[in-house]
Structure formats: C-alpha cells, structure tokens
C-alpha cells in the first residue's frame, strides 16, 4: 500500500468525532479507520468517550490520525470532521459543537445535504449524506450502518481508495468472519463510495 497521506490530514493531523447510539458499530468503525491509517504509515488513536455504552444510548467516539507521533491523550473538542451514524441524534445533540466552519459533516440520511442544512439550520461546514441505514439493510440484512459510514468517510477524505479499502477489509475481516459476511461488508463499502452525496 502507498505511504502517501491525503490532504485531509491537514498539517499532519486530523481529528474526527463520531456520533451514534450504542450497538450501531461506531466504535468498531473508528478502530477500523485507525487500522486503515496504519497502511499509510500514520500514527493513530481511536477511543470512545467514557460513559455508559448501553444499547441505544447516545455515544461519541473519536479518531486522531497523524503523520507524527501523537503525544496528546485528551478528548477531541475541535474535530476536522464529524460523522453522524444515527440521524435521530440531530434532534438531541449539537453535532456541530466545536466543528470548524470549514469542517466536514457526514450524516446517515437518505435526504440531500441541502435539505439537512435547511432543516437543522446548519451554517458553514460542508455537508455530505449517505443512506447508510438503507445500504446496511440491503447488504448486511440488519441495521449496522458503520461500514457504509466508513466508506463515505474514505470517499470524502480520499484517505484510502476504494480498492485499498476493499483489500483491507478482505484481509482484516477475512481473519474474523465468514466469506459471506466479508462479501456483504465489501458490497456495503462499495455502495457508500458510489452513493455519498455532497452539496
């Protein structure tokens, strides 16, 4: 795999926050993203916010990706990107808190980004949407939107190409899951690359 680092890792560092509910796979997605960054020779952190992670409860988890060794171990307050895995959180959590006006917001929704901006009064930022729920139900046969969300993130940031991401999933997931599960996750990832919408 190439050691080139994409522009998303601005000044050698990119911080990412995930919003989800317990049981939706966001922590796994953050860990998978961290492992993927290793293929680019990067340093990484992936960690959940401490607190109850019971099924259905709102949670946050974080990634810190860097071209240099990371000496910071605090939480992330000003992320470069925010991913909203569960769109119902838009009504109860300020997902844009601390997100730079030039930052990126990826939301699990079948709606167009322009609709999301208007409905929730989001100012600035670049909004992307991906119907990760529909993709996961189609391909995984259950509500587990984490891999489609990860695919959308990779497409937007160009951290990994689709081919690199597929190769990683084949290798990593292939050690833990059946061929059927691996194939369904790869299909979900491919669709996310193809279906993510931007303004």
N, C-alpha and C. Protein backbone atom coordinates (compact mmCIF):
# COMPACT_ATOMS: atom_id res chain seq x y z
N UNK A 1 0.83 -1.19 0.00
CA UNK A 1 0.00 0.00 0.00
C UNK A 1 0.87 1.25 0.00
N UNK A 2 0.33 2.26 -0.57
CA UNK A 2 1.06 3.53 -0.68
C UNK A 2 1.22 4.18 0.68
N UNK A 3 2.33 4.88 0.85
CA UNK A 3 2.54 5.62 2.08
C UNK A 3 2.15 7.07 1.96
N UNK A 4 1.57 7.46 0.83
CA UNK A 4 1.17 8.85 0.65
C UNK A 4 0.01 9.20 1.57
N UNK A 5 0.05 10.39 2.11
CA UNK A 5 -1.00 10.85 3.02
C UNK A 5 -1.85 11.88 2.29
N UNK A 6 -3.17 11.75 2.42
CA UNK A 6 -4.08 12.63 1.69
C UNK A 6 -4.13 14.03 2.32
N UNK A 7 -4.71 14.96 1.58
CA UNK A 7 -4.81 16.35 2.03
C UNK A 7 -5.67 16.49 3.27
N UNK A 8 -6.56 15.52 3.50
CA UNK A 8 -7.44 15.59 4.67
C UNK A 8 -6.65 15.71 5.97
N UNK A 9 -5.49 15.07 6.01
CA UNK A 9 -4.65 15.13 7.21
C UNK A 9 -3.86 16.43 7.14
N UNK A 10 -4.57 17.51 7.43
CA UNK A 10 -4.06 18.86 7.28
C UNK A 10 -2.97 19.14 8.32
N UNK A 11 -1.84 19.64 7.85
CA UNK A 11 -0.72 19.92 8.75
C UNK A 11 -0.32 18.70 9.58
N UNK A 12 -0.51 17.53 8.98
CA UNK A 12 -0.06 16.30 9.64
C UNK A 12 -0.98 15.75 10.70
N UNK A 13 -2.19 16.36 10.89
CA UNK A 13 -3.10 15.88 11.93
C UNK A 13 -4.55 16.04 11.50
N UNK A 14 -5.35 15.01 11.75
CA UNK A 14 -6.80 15.09 11.51
C UNK A 14 -7.51 14.47 12.71
N UNK A 15 -8.48 15.20 13.25
CA UNK A 15 -9.26 14.71 14.39
C UNK A 15 -10.72 14.54 13.96
N UNK A 16 -11.31 13.43 14.36
CA UNK A 16 -12.64 13.04 13.88
C UNK A 16 -13.51 12.65 15.07
N UNK A 17 -14.77 13.06 15.02
CA UNK A 17 -15.72 12.65 16.06
C UNK A 17 -16.89 11.91 15.43
N UNK A 18 -17.27 10.80 16.05
CA UNK A 18 -18.41 10.00 15.62
C UNK A 18 -19.55 10.16 16.63
N UNK A 19 -20.77 10.35 16.14
CA UNK A 19 -21.97 10.35 16.99
C UNK A 19 -22.82 9.16 16.59
N UNK A 20 -23.21 8.36 17.57
CA UNK A 20 -24.01 7.17 17.29
C UNK A 20 -24.78 6.79 18.54
N UNK A 21 -25.43 5.65 18.47
CA UNK A 21 -26.04 5.04 19.64
C UNK A 21 -25.35 3.70 19.88
N UNK A 22 -25.33 3.28 21.13
CA UNK A 22 -24.69 2.01 21.46
C UNK A 22 -25.26 0.87 20.63
N UNK A 23 -24.39 0.03 20.10
CA UNK A 23 -24.83 -1.12 19.31
C UNK A 23 -24.86 -0.89 17.81
N UNK A 24 -24.49 0.32 17.36
CA UNK A 24 -24.52 0.61 15.92
C UNK A 24 -23.15 0.45 15.25
N UNK A 25 -22.15 0.04 16.02
CA UNK A 25 -20.85 -0.27 15.44
C UNK A 25 -19.92 0.91 15.23
N UNK A 26 -20.21 2.06 15.82
CA UNK A 26 -19.37 3.24 15.61
C UNK A 26 -17.97 3.04 16.19
N UNK A 27 -17.89 2.41 17.37
CA UNK A 27 -16.57 2.18 17.98
C UNK A 27 -15.75 1.26 17.10
N UNK A 28 -16.39 0.23 16.55
CA UNK A 28 -15.69 -0.68 15.63
C UNK A 28 -15.24 0.05 14.38
N UNK A 29 -16.09 0.94 13.85
CA UNK A 29 -15.73 1.72 12.66
C UNK A 29 -14.52 2.61 12.95
N UNK A 30 -14.51 3.25 14.12
CA UNK A 30 -13.39 4.12 14.48
C UNK A 30 -12.10 3.32 14.60
N UNK A 31 -12.18 2.13 15.18
CA UNK A 31 -10.99 1.26 15.29
C UNK A 31 -10.54 0.79 13.92
N UNK A 32 -11.49 0.47 13.05
CA UNK A 32 -11.15 0.03 11.69
C UNK A 32 -10.47 1.16 10.92
N UNK A 33 -10.99 2.38 11.06
CA UNK A 33 -10.37 3.54 10.42
C UNK A 33 -8.94 3.72 10.91
N UNK A 34 -8.73 3.58 12.21
CA UNK A 34 -7.39 3.72 12.77
C UNK A 34 -6.44 2.69 12.16
N UNK A 35 -6.90 1.44 12.06
CA UNK A 35 -6.07 0.38 11.48
C UNK A 35 -5.79 0.65 10.00
N UNK A 36 -6.78 1.19 9.30
CA UNK A 36 -6.58 1.53 7.89
C UNK A 36 -5.51 2.60 7.73
N UNK A 37 -5.48 3.57 8.65
CA UNK A 37 -4.49 4.65 8.56
C UNK A 37 -3.08 4.12 8.72
N UNK A 38 -2.97 3.00 9.41
CA UNK A 38 -1.65 2.37 9.60
C UNK A 38 -1.07 1.93 8.26
N UNK A 39 -1.93 1.58 7.32
CA UNK A 39 -1.44 1.17 5.99
C UNK A 39 -0.80 2.34 5.25
N UNK A 40 -1.06 3.57 5.73
CA UNK A 40 -0.44 4.76 5.14
C UNK A 40 0.74 5.24 5.97
N UNK A 41 1.16 4.40 6.92
CA UNK A 41 2.31 4.76 7.73
C UNK A 41 2.02 5.84 8.76
N UNK A 42 0.75 5.98 9.12
CA UNK A 42 0.36 7.04 10.05
C UNK A 42 0.29 6.53 11.48
N UNK A 43 0.30 7.48 12.40
CA UNK A 43 0.06 7.19 13.81
C UNK A 43 -1.42 7.46 14.07
N UNK A 44 -2.00 6.78 15.05
CA UNK A 44 -3.45 6.92 15.23
C UNK A 44 -3.87 6.70 16.68
N UNK A 45 -5.06 7.20 16.97
CA UNK A 45 -5.77 6.91 18.20
C UNK A 45 -7.23 6.66 17.82
N UNK A 46 -7.87 5.75 18.55
CA UNK A 46 -9.30 5.50 18.39
C UNK A 46 -9.83 5.19 19.78
N UNK A 47 -10.78 5.99 20.24
CA UNK A 47 -11.27 5.77 21.60
C UNK A 47 -12.70 6.28 21.76
N UNK A 48 -13.49 5.59 22.60
CA UNK A 48 -14.84 6.08 22.89
C UNK A 48 -14.80 7.09 24.03
N UNK A 49 -15.84 7.89 24.12
CA UNK A 49 -15.97 8.77 25.27
C UNK A 49 -16.41 7.91 26.44
N UNK A 50 -15.77 8.09 27.57
CA UNK A 50 -16.12 7.26 28.71
C UNK A 50 -17.51 7.59 29.20
N UNK A 51 -18.24 6.55 29.54
CA UNK A 51 -19.62 6.70 29.98
C UNK A 51 -20.39 5.45 29.61
N UNK A 52 -21.66 5.39 29.94
CA UNK A 52 -22.44 4.17 29.65
C UNK A 52 -22.58 3.96 28.15
N UNK A 53 -22.28 2.76 27.69
CA UNK A 53 -22.43 2.45 26.27
C UNK A 53 -23.51 1.40 26.09
N UNK A 54 -24.58 1.54 26.85
CA UNK A 54 -25.66 0.57 26.75
C UNK A 54 -26.33 0.70 25.38
N UNK A 55 -26.95 -0.38 24.97
CA UNK A 55 -27.62 -0.42 23.67
C UNK A 55 -28.60 0.73 23.53
N UNK A 56 -28.46 1.51 22.48
CA UNK A 56 -29.39 2.59 22.20
C UNK A 56 -29.03 3.94 22.81
N UNK A 57 -28.10 3.96 23.76
CA UNK A 57 -27.72 5.23 24.39
C UNK A 57 -26.83 6.04 23.47
N UNK A 58 -26.97 7.36 23.44
CA UNK A 58 -26.07 8.18 22.61
C UNK A 58 -24.63 8.02 23.07
N UNK A 59 -23.73 7.82 22.12
CA UNK A 59 -22.30 7.71 22.43
C UNK A 59 -21.50 8.58 21.46
N UNK A 60 -20.27 8.85 21.84
CA UNK A 60 -19.32 9.50 20.95
C UNK A 60 -18.05 8.66 20.95
N UNK A 61 -17.40 8.61 19.81
CA UNK A 61 -16.06 8.04 19.77
C UNK A 61 -15.22 8.91 18.84
N UNK A 62 -13.92 8.72 18.91
CA UNK A 62 -13.00 9.66 18.27
C UNK A 62 -11.85 8.96 17.57
N UNK A 63 -11.34 9.64 16.54
CA UNK A 63 -10.08 9.24 15.88
C UNK A 63 -9.15 10.43 15.87
N UNK A 64 -7.90 10.15 16.09
CA UNK A 64 -6.84 11.14 15.89
C UNK A 64 -5.84 10.47 14.95
N UNK A 65 -5.64 11.04 13.76
CA UNK A 65 -4.73 10.49 12.75
C UNK A 65 -3.61 11.50 12.54
N UNK A 66 -2.37 11.02 12.50
CA UNK A 66 -1.24 11.95 12.41
C UNK A 66 -0.08 11.35 11.64
N UNK A 67 0.66 12.23 10.99
CA UNK A 67 1.88 11.79 10.32
C UNK A 67 3.06 11.75 11.29
N UNK A 68 2.85 12.27 12.49
CA UNK A 68 3.89 12.27 13.53
C UNK A 68 3.39 11.53 14.76
N UNK A 69 4.31 11.17 15.64
CA UNK A 69 3.91 10.52 16.88
C UNK A 69 2.94 11.41 17.64
N UNK A 70 1.94 10.79 18.24
CA UNK A 70 0.91 11.54 18.96
C UNK A 70 1.24 11.57 20.44
N UNK A 71 1.35 12.76 20.98
CA UNK A 71 1.66 12.90 22.41
C UNK A 71 0.47 13.47 23.19
N UNK A 72 -0.64 13.72 22.48
CA UNK A 72 -1.85 14.24 23.10
C UNK A 72 -2.78 13.08 23.41
N UNK A 73 -3.30 13.05 24.64
CA UNK A 73 -4.18 11.94 25.03
C UNK A 73 -5.52 12.42 25.57
N UNK A 74 -5.84 13.67 25.36
CA UNK A 74 -7.12 14.21 25.83
C UNK A 74 -8.20 13.96 24.78
N UNK A 75 -9.44 14.29 25.15
CA UNK A 75 -10.53 14.17 24.21
C UNK A 75 -10.40 15.18 23.08
N UNK A 76 -11.23 15.03 22.08
CA UNK A 76 -11.20 15.91 20.90
C UNK A 76 -12.34 16.90 21.00
N UNK A 77 -12.02 18.18 21.03
CA UNK A 77 -13.05 19.21 21.15
C UNK A 77 -13.28 20.00 19.86
N UNK A 78 -12.28 19.99 18.96
CA UNK A 78 -12.41 20.72 17.69
C UNK A 78 -12.07 19.81 16.52
N UNK A 79 -13.00 18.90 16.19
CA UNK A 79 -12.70 17.94 15.13
C UNK A 79 -12.65 18.57 13.75
N UNK A 80 -11.95 17.90 12.86
CA UNK A 80 -11.89 18.29 11.44
C UNK A 80 -13.13 17.78 10.71
N UNK A 81 -13.67 16.65 11.24
CA UNK A 81 -14.83 16.01 10.62
C UNK A 81 -15.71 15.40 11.69
N UNK A 82 -17.02 15.42 11.45
CA UNK A 82 -17.98 14.76 12.34
C UNK A 82 -18.82 13.80 11.50
N UNK A 83 -19.00 12.58 12.00
CA UNK A 83 -19.86 11.60 11.35
C UNK A 83 -21.04 11.30 12.26
N UNK A 84 -22.24 11.41 11.72
CA UNK A 84 -23.46 11.14 12.49
C UNK A 84 -24.05 9.83 11.98
N UNK A 85 -23.84 8.77 12.76
CA UNK A 85 -24.27 7.43 12.36
C UNK A 85 -25.77 7.26 12.54
N UNK A 86 -26.33 7.89 13.58
CA UNK A 86 -27.77 7.81 13.84
C UNK A 86 -28.39 9.19 13.66
N UNK A 87 -29.20 9.38 12.61
CA UNK A 87 -29.74 10.71 12.32
C UNK A 87 -30.71 11.22 13.37
N UNK A 88 -31.26 10.33 14.22
CA UNK A 88 -32.17 10.82 15.27
C UNK A 88 -31.43 11.67 16.28
N UNK A 89 -30.11 11.57 16.32
CA UNK A 89 -29.32 12.37 17.24
C UNK A 89 -29.29 13.84 16.85
N UNK A 90 -29.61 14.14 15.60
CA UNK A 90 -29.62 15.53 15.15
C UNK A 90 -30.63 16.37 15.93
N UNK A 91 -31.65 15.71 16.48
CA UNK A 91 -32.68 16.41 17.25
C UNK A 91 -32.28 16.61 18.71
N UNK A 92 -31.29 15.84 19.19
CA UNK A 92 -30.99 15.87 20.63
C UNK A 92 -29.55 16.24 20.98
N UNK A 93 -28.67 16.23 19.99
CA UNK A 93 -27.25 16.52 20.23
C UNK A 93 -26.78 17.59 19.25
N UNK A 94 -25.98 18.54 19.74
CA UNK A 94 -25.38 19.53 18.84
C UNK A 94 -24.16 18.90 18.18
N UNK A 95 -24.39 18.25 17.06
CA UNK A 95 -23.31 17.50 16.41
C UNK A 95 -22.26 18.42 15.81
N UNK A 96 -22.57 19.70 15.64
CA UNK A 96 -21.60 20.64 15.07
C UNK A 96 -20.73 21.31 16.14
N UNK A 97 -20.96 21.00 17.41
CA UNK A 97 -20.20 21.63 18.50
C UNK A 97 -18.69 21.45 18.27
N UNK A 98 -17.97 22.57 18.23
CA UNK A 98 -16.52 22.52 18.07
C UNK A 98 -16.03 22.27 16.67
N UNK A 99 -16.95 21.96 15.75
CA UNK A 99 -16.56 21.68 14.36
C UNK A 99 -16.28 22.98 13.63
N UNK A 100 -15.07 23.11 13.11
CA UNK A 100 -14.68 24.32 12.38
C UNK A 100 -15.67 24.61 11.26
N UNK A 101 -15.86 25.89 10.94
CA UNK A 101 -16.79 26.28 9.88
C UNK A 101 -16.36 25.72 8.52
N UNK A 102 -15.09 25.35 8.40
CA UNK A 102 -14.61 24.73 7.16
C UNK A 102 -14.57 23.20 7.27
N UNK A 103 -15.08 22.67 8.38
CA UNK A 103 -15.04 21.23 8.59
C UNK A 103 -16.09 20.49 7.78
N UNK A 104 -16.04 19.16 7.85
CA UNK A 104 -16.94 18.29 7.10
C UNK A 104 -17.89 17.58 8.04
N UNK A 105 -19.12 17.40 7.58
CA UNK A 105 -20.17 16.73 8.35
C UNK A 105 -20.78 15.65 7.46
N UNK A 106 -20.66 14.40 7.87
CA UNK A 106 -21.24 13.29 7.10
C UNK A 106 -22.38 12.70 7.92
N UNK A 107 -23.57 12.68 7.34
CA UNK A 107 -24.77 12.28 8.07
C UNK A 107 -25.44 11.09 7.38
N UNK A 108 -25.83 10.12 8.19
CA UNK A 108 -26.58 8.97 7.70
C UNK A 108 -28.01 9.43 7.41
N UNK A 109 -28.29 9.68 6.16
CA UNK A 109 -29.62 10.15 5.76
C UNK A 109 -29.84 9.89 4.28
N UNK A 110 -31.08 9.60 3.94
CA UNK A 110 -31.46 9.47 2.54
C UNK A 110 -31.78 10.81 1.90
N UNK A 111 -31.79 11.86 2.72
CA UNK A 111 -32.08 13.20 2.21
C UNK A 111 -30.83 13.83 1.59
N UNK A 112 -31.06 14.83 0.76
CA UNK A 112 -29.93 15.57 0.16
C UNK A 112 -29.31 16.49 1.21
N UNK A 113 -28.02 16.79 1.09
CA UNK A 113 -27.36 17.67 2.06
C UNK A 113 -28.06 19.02 2.22
N UNK A 114 -28.58 19.58 1.11
CA UNK A 114 -29.25 20.87 1.16
C UNK A 114 -30.47 20.83 2.08
N UNK A 115 -31.19 19.70 2.06
CA UNK A 115 -32.36 19.55 2.92
C UNK A 115 -31.94 19.50 4.38
N UNK A 116 -30.89 18.77 4.68
CA UNK A 116 -30.39 18.67 6.06
C UNK A 116 -29.94 20.04 6.56
N UNK A 117 -29.24 20.78 5.72
CA UNK A 117 -28.77 22.12 6.11
C UNK A 117 -29.95 23.01 6.48
N UNK A 118 -30.97 23.00 5.65
CA UNK A 118 -32.13 23.87 5.89
C UNK A 118 -32.92 23.41 7.11
N UNK A 119 -33.17 22.12 7.22
CA UNK A 119 -34.00 21.60 8.31
C UNK A 119 -33.38 21.88 9.68
N UNK A 120 -32.05 21.72 9.78
CA UNK A 120 -31.41 21.85 11.08
C UNK A 120 -30.65 23.17 11.24
N UNK A 121 -30.77 24.05 10.23
CA UNK A 121 -30.17 25.37 10.33
C UNK A 121 -28.65 25.34 10.49
N UNK A 122 -28.01 24.44 9.76
CA UNK A 122 -26.55 24.30 9.88
C UNK A 122 -25.86 25.36 9.04
N UNK A 123 -25.00 26.12 9.68
CA UNK A 123 -24.28 27.19 8.98
C UNK A 123 -22.84 26.72 8.72
N UNK A 124 -22.30 27.15 7.58
CA UNK A 124 -20.93 26.76 7.26
C UNK A 124 -20.80 25.26 7.12
N UNK A 125 -19.60 24.77 7.23
CA UNK A 125 -19.27 23.36 7.10
C UNK A 125 -19.70 22.82 5.73
N UNK A 126 -19.14 21.71 5.36
CA UNK A 126 -19.54 21.02 4.11
C UNK A 126 -20.32 19.80 4.55
N UNK A 127 -21.55 19.67 4.05
CA UNK A 127 -22.42 18.57 4.46
C UNK A 127 -22.46 17.49 3.38
N UNK A 128 -22.33 16.25 3.83
CA UNK A 128 -22.47 15.08 2.96
C UNK A 128 -23.53 14.18 3.57
N UNK A 129 -24.29 13.48 2.73
CA UNK A 129 -25.23 12.49 3.24
C UNK A 129 -25.01 11.15 2.54
N UNK A 130 -25.32 10.11 3.28
CA UNK A 130 -25.24 8.74 2.75
C UNK A 130 -26.34 7.94 3.44
N UNK A 131 -27.13 7.22 2.68
CA UNK A 131 -28.21 6.43 3.27
C UNK A 131 -27.63 5.11 3.78
N UNK A 132 -26.84 5.22 4.85
CA UNK A 132 -26.14 4.06 5.41
C UNK A 132 -27.13 3.05 5.99
N UNK A 133 -28.26 3.52 6.47
CA UNK A 133 -29.29 2.61 7.00
C UNK A 133 -29.80 1.70 5.89
N UNK A 134 -30.20 2.30 4.78
CA UNK A 134 -30.73 1.53 3.65
C UNK A 134 -29.68 0.56 3.11
N UNK A 135 -28.45 1.04 2.97
CA UNK A 135 -27.38 0.17 2.45
C UNK A 135 -27.15 -1.01 3.38
N UNK A 136 -27.12 -0.76 4.69
CA UNK A 136 -26.85 -1.86 5.62
C UNK A 136 -27.99 -2.88 5.62
N UNK A 137 -29.23 -2.39 5.54
CA UNK A 137 -30.36 -3.33 5.49
C UNK A 137 -30.35 -4.14 4.20
N UNK A 138 -29.98 -3.50 3.10
CA UNK A 138 -29.89 -4.17 1.80
C UNK A 138 -28.79 -5.23 1.78
N UNK A 139 -27.60 -4.83 2.21
CA UNK A 139 -26.43 -5.69 2.02
C UNK A 139 -26.12 -6.58 3.24
N UNK A 140 -26.31 -6.05 4.44
CA UNK A 140 -25.99 -6.82 5.65
C UNK A 140 -27.22 -7.49 6.25
N UNK A 141 -28.38 -7.10 5.76
CA UNK A 141 -29.66 -7.64 6.24
C UNK A 141 -29.93 -7.30 7.70
N UNK A 142 -29.32 -6.23 8.19
CA UNK A 142 -29.60 -5.74 9.53
C UNK A 142 -29.14 -4.28 9.62
N UNK A 143 -29.62 -3.60 10.65
CA UNK A 143 -29.26 -2.20 10.83
C UNK A 143 -27.88 -2.13 11.50
N UNK A 144 -26.86 -1.97 10.68
CA UNK A 144 -25.48 -1.83 11.15
C UNK A 144 -24.78 -0.89 10.17
N UNK A 145 -25.01 0.43 10.33
CA UNK A 145 -24.57 1.39 9.32
C UNK A 145 -23.11 1.80 9.39
N UNK A 146 -22.31 1.14 10.22
CA UNK A 146 -20.94 1.61 10.44
C UNK A 146 -20.04 1.50 9.20
N UNK A 147 -20.10 0.39 8.49
CA UNK A 147 -19.22 0.24 7.31
C UNK A 147 -19.63 1.18 6.18
N UNK A 148 -20.93 1.35 5.90
CA UNK A 148 -21.29 2.37 4.90
C UNK A 148 -20.82 3.78 5.31
N UNK A 149 -20.92 4.11 6.59
CA UNK A 149 -20.45 5.42 7.05
C UNK A 149 -18.93 5.54 6.85
N UNK A 150 -18.22 4.47 7.16
CA UNK A 150 -16.77 4.47 6.97
C UNK A 150 -16.43 4.62 5.49
N UNK A 151 -17.17 3.93 4.63
CA UNK A 151 -16.94 4.05 3.19
C UNK A 151 -17.15 5.47 2.70
N UNK A 152 -18.21 6.12 3.19
CA UNK A 152 -18.46 7.52 2.81
C UNK A 152 -17.32 8.40 3.27
N UNK A 153 -16.84 8.17 4.49
CA UNK A 153 -15.73 8.97 5.03
C UNK A 153 -14.48 8.81 4.17
N UNK A 154 -14.18 7.58 3.76
CA UNK A 154 -12.99 7.33 2.94
C UNK A 154 -13.12 8.00 1.57
N UNK A 155 -14.33 7.97 1.00
CA UNK A 155 -14.55 8.61 -0.30
C UNK A 155 -14.34 10.13 -0.20
N UNK A 156 -14.91 10.72 0.85
CA UNK A 156 -14.83 12.17 1.02
C UNK A 156 -13.39 12.63 1.27
N UNK A 157 -12.67 11.88 2.11
CA UNK A 157 -11.32 12.30 2.51
C UNK A 157 -10.22 11.82 1.58
N UNK A 158 -10.51 10.76 0.80
CA UNK A 158 -9.50 10.11 -0.05
C UNK A 158 -8.35 9.55 0.79
N UNK A 159 -8.64 9.21 2.03
CA UNK A 159 -7.61 8.61 2.88
C UNK A 159 -7.15 7.28 2.29
N UNK A 160 -8.12 6.47 1.85
CA UNK A 160 -7.84 5.24 1.11
C UNK A 160 -8.71 5.23 -0.13
N UNK A 161 -8.21 4.67 -1.21
CA UNK A 161 -9.03 4.48 -2.39
C UNK A 161 -9.99 3.32 -2.13
N UNK A 162 -11.00 3.19 -2.98
CA UNK A 162 -11.94 2.08 -2.82
C UNK A 162 -11.21 0.74 -2.89
N UNK A 163 -10.27 0.62 -3.80
CA UNK A 163 -9.53 -0.63 -3.95
C UNK A 163 -8.70 -0.95 -2.69
N UNK A 164 -8.06 0.08 -2.13
CA UNK A 164 -7.27 -0.12 -0.91
C UNK A 164 -8.17 -0.51 0.27
N UNK A 165 -9.34 0.12 0.36
CA UNK A 165 -10.27 -0.18 1.45
C UNK A 165 -10.79 -1.61 1.33
N UNK A 166 -11.12 -2.03 0.12
CA UNK A 166 -11.60 -3.40 -0.10
C UNK A 166 -10.53 -4.41 0.27
N UNK A 167 -9.31 -4.14 -0.16
CA UNK A 167 -8.19 -5.04 0.17
C UNK A 167 -8.01 -5.15 1.68
N UNK A 168 -8.16 -4.03 2.37
CA UNK A 168 -8.02 -4.04 3.83
C UNK A 168 -9.12 -4.88 4.46
N UNK A 169 -10.37 -4.69 4.04
CA UNK A 169 -11.48 -5.45 4.61
C UNK A 169 -11.32 -6.95 4.34
N UNK A 170 -10.89 -7.30 3.14
CA UNK A 170 -10.68 -8.71 2.82
C UNK A 170 -9.67 -9.33 3.77
N UNK A 171 -8.59 -8.61 4.01
CA UNK A 171 -7.53 -9.12 4.88
C UNK A 171 -7.95 -9.12 6.35
N UNK A 172 -8.45 -7.99 6.82
CA UNK A 172 -8.79 -7.84 8.25
C UNK A 172 -10.04 -8.64 8.64
N UNK A 173 -11.13 -8.43 7.91
CA UNK A 173 -12.38 -9.12 8.23
C UNK A 173 -12.29 -10.61 7.90
N UNK A 174 -11.48 -10.93 6.89
CA UNK A 174 -11.34 -12.33 6.48
C UNK A 174 -10.78 -13.22 7.57
N UNK A 175 -10.06 -12.61 8.52
CA UNK A 175 -9.50 -13.38 9.64
C UNK A 175 -10.52 -13.65 10.73
N UNK A 176 -11.65 -12.90 10.70
CA UNK A 176 -12.61 -12.98 11.81
C UNK A 176 -13.99 -13.49 11.38
N UNK A 177 -14.34 -13.27 10.11
CA UNK A 177 -15.71 -13.53 9.68
C UNK A 177 -15.75 -14.48 8.48
N UNK A 178 -16.95 -14.99 8.22
CA UNK A 178 -17.15 -15.88 7.07
C UNK A 178 -17.04 -15.08 5.77
N UNK A 179 -16.84 -15.80 4.66
CA UNK A 179 -16.77 -15.15 3.35
C UNK A 179 -18.05 -14.36 3.06
N UNK A 180 -19.19 -14.91 3.49
CA UNK A 180 -20.48 -14.25 3.26
C UNK A 180 -20.53 -12.89 3.95
N UNK A 181 -20.07 -12.84 5.19
CA UNK A 181 -20.06 -11.58 5.95
C UNK A 181 -19.08 -10.59 5.32
N UNK A 182 -17.90 -11.08 4.96
CA UNK A 182 -16.89 -10.21 4.34
C UNK A 182 -17.44 -9.63 3.04
N UNK A 183 -18.03 -10.48 2.21
CA UNK A 183 -18.55 -10.02 0.91
C UNK A 183 -19.66 -8.98 1.08
N UNK A 184 -20.54 -9.19 2.06
CA UNK A 184 -21.64 -8.24 2.27
C UNK A 184 -21.10 -6.88 2.75
N UNK A 185 -20.06 -6.90 3.58
CA UNK A 185 -19.46 -5.65 4.03
C UNK A 185 -18.75 -4.93 2.89
N UNK A 186 -18.13 -5.68 2.01
CA UNK A 186 -17.46 -5.08 0.85
C UNK A 186 -18.49 -4.44 -0.08
N UNK A 187 -19.63 -5.12 -0.28
CA UNK A 187 -20.69 -4.53 -1.11
C UNK A 187 -21.20 -3.24 -0.48
N UNK A 188 -21.36 -3.24 0.84
CA UNK A 188 -21.83 -2.03 1.54
C UNK A 188 -20.83 -0.90 1.40
N UNK A 189 -19.56 -1.23 1.50
CA UNK A 189 -18.50 -0.23 1.36
C UNK A 189 -18.50 0.36 -0.05
N UNK A 190 -18.61 -0.50 -1.06
CA UNK A 190 -18.62 -0.05 -2.46
C UNK A 190 -19.79 0.90 -2.71
N UNK A 191 -20.96 0.53 -2.20
CA UNK A 191 -22.12 1.38 -2.42
C UNK A 191 -21.95 2.75 -1.76
N UNK A 192 -21.33 2.77 -0.60
CA UNK A 192 -21.10 4.04 0.08
C UNK A 192 -20.20 4.94 -0.76
N UNK A 193 -19.15 4.37 -1.34
CA UNK A 193 -18.26 5.15 -2.22
C UNK A 193 -19.06 5.75 -3.38
N UNK A 194 -20.02 4.98 -3.89
CA UNK A 194 -20.77 5.40 -5.08
C UNK A 194 -21.94 6.34 -4.75
N UNK A 195 -22.53 6.19 -3.54
CA UNK A 195 -23.80 6.86 -3.27
C UNK A 195 -23.72 8.07 -2.34
N UNK A 196 -22.55 8.33 -1.74
CA UNK A 196 -22.45 9.50 -0.87
C UNK A 196 -22.72 10.76 -1.69
N UNK A 197 -23.52 11.66 -1.11
CA UNK A 197 -23.93 12.89 -1.81
C UNK A 197 -23.27 14.11 -1.14
N UNK A 198 -22.87 15.06 -1.95
CA UNK A 198 -22.31 16.31 -1.43
C UNK A 198 -23.13 17.48 -1.94
N UNK A 199 -22.94 18.62 -1.31
CA UNK A 199 -23.66 19.83 -1.72
C UNK A 199 -23.14 20.32 -3.07
